[in-house]
Amino acid sequence: MALLISITPVISYGIILLLIGVGTRIFVGLRRFNRRGYGGAQLYTSYWSSVLVSNIEGVLMIISALSIVGGALLVLVELFNQH
């Protein structure tokens, strides 16, 4: 049985972007989960630590969302172009 979809470099780049985006979201979510205390609040060692970590994690979440959307668009556009 022949493969119906040929894997092009554009599809592989899209899949890589999707995996990077999902992996980054899982990584940030796991770090946030491990920082939670009994009351559900995130526990930091100092104020500046909370500001720095929150901003870095926010930027990482934006980048991961963009990479997920970009990867999905690459895959979809290439699939539509093949037919």
Protein backbone atom coordinates (compact mmCIF):
# COMPACT_ATOMS: atom_id res chain seq x y z
CA MET A 1 0.00 0.00 0.00
CA ALA A 2 1.44 3.33 -1.03
CA LEU A 3 1.83 6.21 1.37
CA LEU A 4 -0.91 8.71 0.57
CA ILE A 5 0.94 11.75 1.91
CA SER A 6 4.55 12.33 1.01
CA ILE A 7 6.53 13.89 3.83
CA THR A 8 8.13 17.05 2.49
CA PRO A 9 10.63 19.26 4.34
CA VAL A 10 7.87 21.81 4.97
CA ILE A 11 5.73 19.19 6.71
CA SER A 12 8.68 18.02 8.79
CA TYR A 13 9.47 21.63 9.81
CA GLY A 14 5.83 22.09 10.77
CA ILE A 15 5.85 18.94 12.87
CA ILE A 16 9.09 20.03 14.55
CA LEU A 17 7.56 23.42 15.37
CA LEU A 18 4.47 21.71 16.79
CA LEU A 19 6.59 19.44 18.96
CA ILE A 20 8.74 22.33 20.21
CA GLY A 21 5.65 24.37 21.05
CA VAL A 22 3.90 21.55 22.90
CA GLY A 23 7.12 20.57 24.68
CA THR A 24 7.69 24.14 25.85
CA ARG A 25 4.14 24.41 27.18
CA ILE A 26 4.53 21.12 29.06
CA PHE A 27 7.89 22.26 30.48
CA VAL A 28 6.50 25.59 31.73
CA GLY A 29 3.34 23.96 33.08
CA LEU A 30 5.36 21.36 34.97
CA ARG A 31 7.55 24.07 36.51
CA ARG A 32 4.44 26.03 37.57
CA PHE A 33 2.86 22.90 39.03
CA ASN A 34 5.97 22.03 41.03
CA ARG A 35 6.09 25.57 42.47
CA ARG A 36 2.59 25.36 43.95
CA GLY A 37 2.14 25.10 47.69
CA TYR A 38 -0.70 23.66 49.75
CA GLY A 39 -2.98 26.64 49.17
CA GLY A 40 -2.44 26.59 45.41
CA ALA A 41 -0.30 29.73 45.32
CA GLN A 42 3.05 29.69 43.57
CA LEU A 43 5.93 29.93 46.03
CA TYR A 44 9.04 31.96 45.17
CA THR A 45 12.17 32.69 47.15
CA SER A 46 11.97 36.47 46.62
CA TYR A 47 9.97 39.16 44.88
CA TRP A 48 12.52 39.63 42.08
CA SER A 49 12.63 35.91 41.52
CA SER A 50 8.87 35.87 41.00
CA VAL A 51 8.98 38.84 38.62
CA LEU A 52 11.83 37.41 36.56
CA VAL A 53 10.47 33.86 36.38
CA SER A 54 6.92 34.99 35.61
CA ASN A 55 8.07 37.23 32.77
CA ILE A 56 10.34 34.58 31.26
CA GLU A 57 7.61 31.96 31.48
CA GLY A 58 5.12 34.38 29.91
CA VAL A 59 7.44 35.03 26.97
CA LEU A 60 8.04 31.28 26.58
CA MET A 61 4.29 30.63 26.52
CA ILE A 62 3.80 33.27 23.80
CA ILE A 63 6.65 31.79 21.75
CA SER A 64 5.25 28.29 22.18
CA ALA A 65 1.78 29.41 21.08
CA LEU A 66 3.26 31.06 17.99
CA SER A 67 5.29 27.96 17.15
CA ILE A 68 2.21 25.72 17.51
CA VAL A 69 0.15 27.96 15.24
CA GLY A 70 3.03 28.32 12.76
CA GLY A 71 3.66 24.58 12.68
CA ALA A 72 -0.01 23.81 12.17
CA LEU A 73 -0.22 26.36 9.36
CA LEU A 74 2.87 24.93 7.65
CA VAL A 75 1.45 21.42 7.76
CA LEU A 76 -2.01 22.46 6.58
CA VAL A 77 -0.76 24.67 3.74
CA GLU A 78 1.56 21.97 2.49
CA LEU A 79 -1.18 19.34 2.67
CA PHE A 80 -3.53 21.58 0.66
CA ASN A 81 -0.77 22.28 -1.87
CA GLN A 82 -0.15 18.59 -2.48
CA HIS A 83 -3.69 17.99 -3.74
